[in-house]
Each structure stands twice: as C-alpha cells, then as structure tokens.
Amino acid sequence: MMAWIRSSLLASTAPAGRPASPGEIASAAVYLASDESNFVHGITLPVDGGRLAV
C-alpha cells in the first residue's frame, strides 16, 4: 500500500501527471546512444516528466 501512495504522490506532483513508462525512459537512452545525438555533449538529460522544471 505504501508504494502505491508514494507512486501516486510523485505522479501527482509532476507536470506530466503520471510516472514515466519504461519505454519512455528507454527512448531517452536509445537517443543518447544513437547517431542522432552526435552533437550532444556534456549534458544531463532529465527524463522526469517536467519535475525538474517546477
């Protein structure tokens, strides 16, 4: 029960309103490993549904 409450609380405070799916997190990792990101250097890419921006 506590895990559900924690998950609901975290999701409700994110601008996206829900937790990320495993596929959404994996997509960010795939992007960083792909040739499409060859000019991206020295960044932290938050995959947090906008929580960092709040």
PDB file of N, CA and C in Angstrom:
ATOM      1  N   MET A   1       0.819  -1.199   0.000  1.00  0.00           N
ATOM      2  CA  MET A   1       0.000   0.000   0.000  1.00  0.00           C
ATOM      3  C   MET A   1       0.860   1.259   0.000  1.00  0.00           C
ATOM      4  N   MET A   2       1.940   1.284   0.742  1.00  0.00           N
ATOM      5  CA  MET A   2       2.787   2.466   0.814  1.00  0.00           C
ATOM      6  C   MET A   2       3.410   2.788  -0.537  1.00  0.00           C
ATOM      7  N   ALA A   3       3.803   1.771  -1.301  1.00  0.00           N
ATOM      8  CA  ALA A   3       4.392   2.010  -2.622  1.00  0.00           C
ATOM      9  C   ALA A   3       3.381   2.684  -3.538  1.00  0.00           C
ATOM     10  N   TRP A   4       2.124   2.275  -3.475  1.00  0.00           N
ATOM     11  CA  TRP A   4       1.088   2.887  -4.302  1.00  0.00           C
ATOM     12  C   TRP A   4       0.890   4.347  -3.925  1.00  0.00           C
ATOM     13  N   ILE A   5       0.871   4.638  -2.636  1.00  0.00           N
ATOM     14  CA  ILE A   5       0.704   6.017  -2.164  1.00  0.00           C
ATOM     15  C   ILE A   5       1.883   6.867  -2.614  1.00  0.00           C
ATOM     16  N   ARG A   6       3.087   6.350  -2.469  1.00  0.00           N
ATOM     17  CA  ARG A   6       4.284   7.080  -2.879  1.00  0.00           C
ATOM     18  C   ARG A   6       4.253   7.344  -4.381  1.00  0.00           C
ATOM     19  N   SER A   7       3.907   6.339  -5.164  1.00  0.00           N
ATOM     20  CA  SER A   7       3.833   6.483  -6.614  1.00  0.00           C
ATOM     21  C   SER A   7       2.778   7.509  -7.008  1.00  0.00           C
ATOM     22  N   SER A   8       1.633   7.477  -6.361  1.00  0.00           N
ATOM     23  CA  SER A   8       0.564   8.432  -6.658  1.00  0.00           C
ATOM     24  C   SER A   8       0.975   9.850  -6.299  1.00  0.00           C
ATOM     25  N   LEU A   9       1.640  10.015  -5.175  1.00  0.00           N
ATOM     26  CA  LEU A   9       2.086  11.336  -4.748  1.00  0.00           C
ATOM     27  C   LEU A   9       3.116  11.889  -5.717  1.00  0.00           C
ATOM     28  N   LEU A  10       4.089  11.080  -6.102  1.00  0.00           N
ATOM     29  CA  LEU A  10       5.108  11.537  -7.042  1.00  0.00           C
ATOM     30  C   LEU A  10       4.496  11.872  -8.393  1.00  0.00           C
ATOM     31  N   ALA A  11       3.587  11.049  -8.861  1.00  0.00           N
ATOM     32  CA  ALA A  11       2.950  11.295 -10.154  1.00  0.00           C
ATOM     33  C   ALA A  11       2.108  12.561 -10.123  1.00  0.00           C
ATOM     34  N   SER A  12       1.434  12.811  -9.028  1.00  0.00           N
ATOM     35  CA  SER A  12       0.551  13.977  -8.964  1.00  0.00           C
ATOM     36  C   SER A  12       1.327  15.284  -8.891  1.00  0.00           C
ATOM     37  N   THR A  13       2.582  15.258  -8.486  1.00  0.00           N
ATOM     38  CA  THR A  13       3.375  16.481  -8.398  1.00  0.00           C
ATOM     39  C   THR A  13       4.175  16.758  -9.658  1.00  0.00           C
ATOM     40  N   ALA A  14       4.213  15.834 -10.596  1.00  0.00           N
ATOM     41  CA  ALA A  14       4.921  16.045 -11.858  1.00  0.00           C
ATOM     42  C   ALA A  14       3.989  16.728 -12.849  1.00  0.00           C
ATOM     43  N   PRO A  15       4.495  17.681 -13.633  1.00  0.00           N
ATOM     44  CA  PRO A  15       3.650  18.326 -14.634  1.00  0.00           C
ATOM     45  C   PRO A  15       3.005  17.344 -15.614  1.00  0.00           C
ATOM     46  N   ALA A  16       3.655  16.234 -15.901  1.00  0.00           N
ATOM     47  CA  ALA A  16       3.078  15.234 -16.802  1.00  0.00           C
ATOM     48  C   ALA A  16       1.895  14.527 -16.149  1.00  0.00           C
ATOM     49  N   GLY A  17       1.845  14.538 -14.822  1.00  0.00           N
ATOM     50  CA  GLY A  17       0.725  13.947 -14.100  1.00  0.00           C
ATOM     51  C   GLY A  17       0.747  12.441 -13.976  1.00  0.00           C
ATOM     52  N   ARG A  18       1.846  11.832 -14.354  1.00  0.00           N
ATOM     53  CA  ARG A  18       1.956  10.371 -14.276  1.00  0.00           C
ATOM     54  C   ARG A  18       3.427  10.005 -14.271  1.00  0.00           C
ATOM     55  N   PRO A  19       3.765   8.823 -13.802  1.00  0.00           N
ATOM     56  CA  PRO A  19       5.160   8.387 -13.871  1.00  0.00           C
ATOM     57  C   PRO A  19       5.522   7.996 -15.303  1.00  0.00           C
ATOM     58  N   ALA A  20       6.781   8.030 -15.608  1.00  0.00           N
ATOM     59  CA  ALA A  20       7.260   7.625 -16.934  1.00  0.00           C
ATOM     60  C   ALA A  20       7.113   6.123 -17.107  1.00  0.00           C
ATOM     61  N   SER A  21       6.849   5.734 -18.325  1.00  0.00           N
ATOM     62  CA  SER A  21       6.821   4.302 -18.627  1.00  0.00           C
ATOM     63  C   SER A  21       8.254   3.844 -18.882  1.00  0.00           C
ATOM     64  N   PRO A  22       8.529   2.568 -18.720  1.00  0.00           N
ATOM     65  CA  PRO A  22       9.872   2.074 -19.027  1.00  0.00           C
ATOM     66  C   PRO A  22      10.284   2.404 -20.465  1.00  0.00           C
ATOM     67  N   GLY A  23       9.338   2.377 -21.386  1.00  0.00           N
ATOM     68  CA  GLY A  23       9.644   2.696 -22.779  1.00  0.00           C
ATOM     69  C   GLY A  23      10.064   4.140 -22.980  1.00  0.00           C
ATOM     70  N   GLU A  24       9.471   5.052 -22.227  1.00  0.00           N
ATOM     71  CA  GLU A  24       9.844   6.465 -22.328  1.00  0.00           C
ATOM     72  C   GLU A  24      11.262   6.692 -21.813  1.00  0.00           C
ATOM     73  N   ILE A  25      11.614   6.028 -20.752  1.00  0.00           N
ATOM     74  CA  ILE A  25      12.970   6.148 -20.224  1.00  0.00           C
ATOM     75  C   ILE A  25      13.961   5.503 -21.183  1.00  0.00           C
ATOM     76  N   ALA A  26      13.607   4.349 -21.723  1.00  0.00           N
ATOM     77  CA  ALA A  26      14.480   3.661 -22.680  1.00  0.00           C
ATOM     78  C   ALA A  26      14.673   4.498 -23.939  1.00  0.00           C
ATOM     79  N   SER A  27      13.646   5.207 -24.374  1.00  0.00           N
ATOM     80  CA  SER A  27      13.766   6.040 -25.577  1.00  0.00           C
ATOM     81  C   SER A  27      14.829   7.117 -25.406  1.00  0.00           C
ATOM     82  N   ALA A  28      14.925   7.690 -24.225  1.00  0.00           N
ATOM     83  CA  ALA A  28      15.963   8.693 -23.969  1.00  0.00           C
ATOM     84  C   ALA A  28      17.349   8.064 -24.042  1.00  0.00           C
ATOM     85  N   ALA A  29      17.494   6.871 -23.493  1.00  0.00           N
ATOM     86  CA  ALA A  29      18.784   6.178 -23.545  1.00  0.00           C
ATOM     87  C   ALA A  29      19.141   5.800 -24.979  1.00  0.00           C
ATOM     88  N   VAL A  30      18.168   5.336 -25.739  1.00  0.00           N
ATOM     89  CA  VAL A  30      18.409   4.980 -27.145  1.00  0.00           C
ATOM     90  C   VAL A  30      18.818   6.221 -27.931  1.00  0.00           C
ATOM     91  N   TYR A  31      18.158   7.342 -27.688  1.00  0.00           N
ATOM     92  CA  TYR A  31      18.524   8.588 -28.365  1.00  0.00           C
ATOM     93  C   TYR A  31      19.976   8.947 -28.078  1.00  0.00           C
ATOM     94  N   LEU A  32      20.374   8.911 -26.808  1.00  0.00           N
ATOM     95  CA  LEU A  32      21.742   9.283 -26.458  1.00  0.00           C
ATOM     96  C   LEU A  32      22.771   8.331 -27.049  1.00  0.00           C
ATOM     97  N   ALA A  33      22.395   7.083 -27.270  1.00  0.00           N
ATOM     98  CA  ALA A  33      23.307   6.099 -27.851  1.00  0.00           C
ATOM     99  C   ALA A  33      23.297   6.131 -29.380  1.00  0.00           C
ATOM    100  N   SER A  34      22.388   6.885 -29.979  1.00  0.00           N
ATOM    101  CA  SER A  34      22.245   6.883 -31.434  1.00  0.00           C
ATOM    102  C   SER A  34      23.114   7.960 -32.084  1.00  0.00           C
ATOM    103  N   ASP A  35      23.225   7.869 -33.402  1.00  0.00           N
ATOM    104  CA  ASP A  35      23.943   8.883 -34.172  1.00  0.00           C
ATOM    105  C   ASP A  35      23.212  10.219 -34.179  1.00  0.00           C
ATOM    106  N   GLU A  36      21.926  10.215 -33.875  1.00  0.00           N
ATOM    107  CA  GLU A  36      21.145  11.454 -33.836  1.00  0.00           C
ATOM    108  C   GLU A  36      21.645  12.411 -32.753  1.00  0.00           C
ATOM    109  N   SER A  37      22.309  11.889 -31.753  1.00  0.00           N
ATOM    110  CA  SER A  37      22.780  12.740 -30.656  1.00  0.00           C
ATOM    111  C   SER A  37      24.279  13.012 -30.748  1.00  0.00           C
ATOM    112  N   ASN A  38      24.861  12.893 -31.933  1.00  0.00           N
ATOM    113  CA  ASN A  38      26.316  13.015 -32.045  1.00  0.00           C
ATOM    114  C   ASN A  38      26.831  14.413 -31.726  1.00  0.00           C
ATOM    115  N   PHE A  39      25.988  15.419 -31.672  1.00  0.00           N
ATOM    116  CA  PHE A  39      26.427  16.769 -31.329  1.00  0.00           C
ATOM    117  C   PHE A  39      25.998  17.161 -29.919  1.00  0.00           C
ATOM    118  N   VAL A  40      25.483  16.215 -29.154  1.00  0.00           N
ATOM    119  CA  VAL A  40      25.057  16.451 -27.775  1.00  0.00           C
ATOM    120  C   VAL A  40      26.191  16.004 -26.857  1.00  0.00           C
ATOM    121  N   HIS A  41      26.740  16.959 -26.104  1.00  0.00           N
ATOM    122  CA  HIS A  41      27.871  16.651 -25.223  1.00  0.00           C
ATOM    123  C   HIS A  41      27.697  17.350 -23.878  1.00  0.00           C
ATOM    124  N   GLY A  42      28.104  16.693 -22.827  1.00  0.00           N
ATOM    125  CA  GLY A  42      28.183  17.307 -21.511  1.00  0.00           C
ATOM    126  C   GLY A  42      26.867  17.779 -20.921  1.00  0.00           C
ATOM    127  N   ILE A  43      25.810  17.012 -21.104  1.00  0.00           N
ATOM    128  CA  ILE A  43      24.520  17.405 -20.541  1.00  0.00           C
ATOM    129  C   ILE A  43      24.000  16.322 -19.610  1.00  0.00           C
ATOM    130  N   THR A  44      23.076  16.705 -18.805  1.00  0.00           N
ATOM    131  CA  THR A  44      22.262  15.756 -18.059  1.00  0.00           C
ATOM    132  C   THR A  44      20.876  15.850 -18.661  1.00  0.00           C
ATOM    133  N   LEU A  45      20.354  14.738 -19.120  1.00  0.00           N
ATOM    134  CA  LEU A  45      19.038  14.721 -19.757  1.00  0.00           C
ATOM    135  C   LEU A  45      18.026  14.184 -18.757  1.00  0.00           C
ATOM    136  N   PRO A  46      17.295  15.073 -18.082  1.00  0.00           N
ATOM    137  CA  PRO A  46      16.303  14.586 -17.127  1.00  0.00           C
ATOM    138  C   PRO A  46      15.089  14.008 -17.858  1.00  0.00           C
ATOM    139  N   VAL A  47      14.730  12.808 -17.510  1.00  0.00           N
ATOM    140  CA  VAL A  47      13.529  12.166 -18.053  1.00  0.00           C
ATOM    141  C   VAL A  47      12.595  12.023 -16.858  1.00  0.00           C
ATOM    142  N   ASP A  48      11.979  13.155 -16.498  1.00  0.00           N
ATOM    143  CA  ASP A  48      11.239  13.220 -15.237  1.00  0.00           C
ATOM    144  C   ASP A  48       9.849  13.826 -15.371  1.00  0.00           C
ATOM    145  N   GLY A  49       9.347  13.923 -16.585  1.00  0.00           N
ATOM    146  CA  GLY A  49       8.001  14.454 -16.777  1.00  0.00           C
ATOM    147  C   GLY A  49       7.868  15.931 -16.443  1.00  0.00           C
ATOM    148  N   GLY A  50       8.976  16.652 -16.420  1.00  0.00           N
ATOM    149  CA  GLY A  50       8.952  18.082 -16.139  1.00  0.00           C
ATOM    150  C   GLY A  50       9.161  18.450 -14.686  1.00  0.00           C
ATOM    151  N   ARG A  51       9.391  17.476 -13.836  1.00  0.00           N
ATOM    152  CA  ARG A  51       9.533  17.743 -12.398  1.00  0.00           C
ATOM    153  C   ARG A  51      10.695  18.700 -12.113  1.00  0.00           C
ATOM    154  N   LEU A  52      11.798  18.580 -12.840  1.00  0.00           N
ATOM    155  CA  LEU A  52      12.960  19.435 -12.601  1.00  0.00           C
ATOM    156  C   LEU A  52      12.649  20.898 -12.920  1.00  0.00           C
ATOM    157  N   ALA A  53      11.771  21.135 -13.869  1.00  0.00           N
ATOM    158  CA  ALA A  53      11.441  22.499 -14.279  1.00  0.00           C
ATOM    159  C   ALA A  53      10.545  23.219 -13.274  1.00  0.00           C
ATOM    160  N   VAL A  54       9.934  22.475 -12.377  1.00  0.00           N
ATOM    161  CA  VAL A  54       8.994  23.086 -11.430  1.00  0.00           C
ATOM    162  C   VAL A  54       9.732  23.654 -10.250  1.00  0.00           C
TER     163      VAL A  54
END
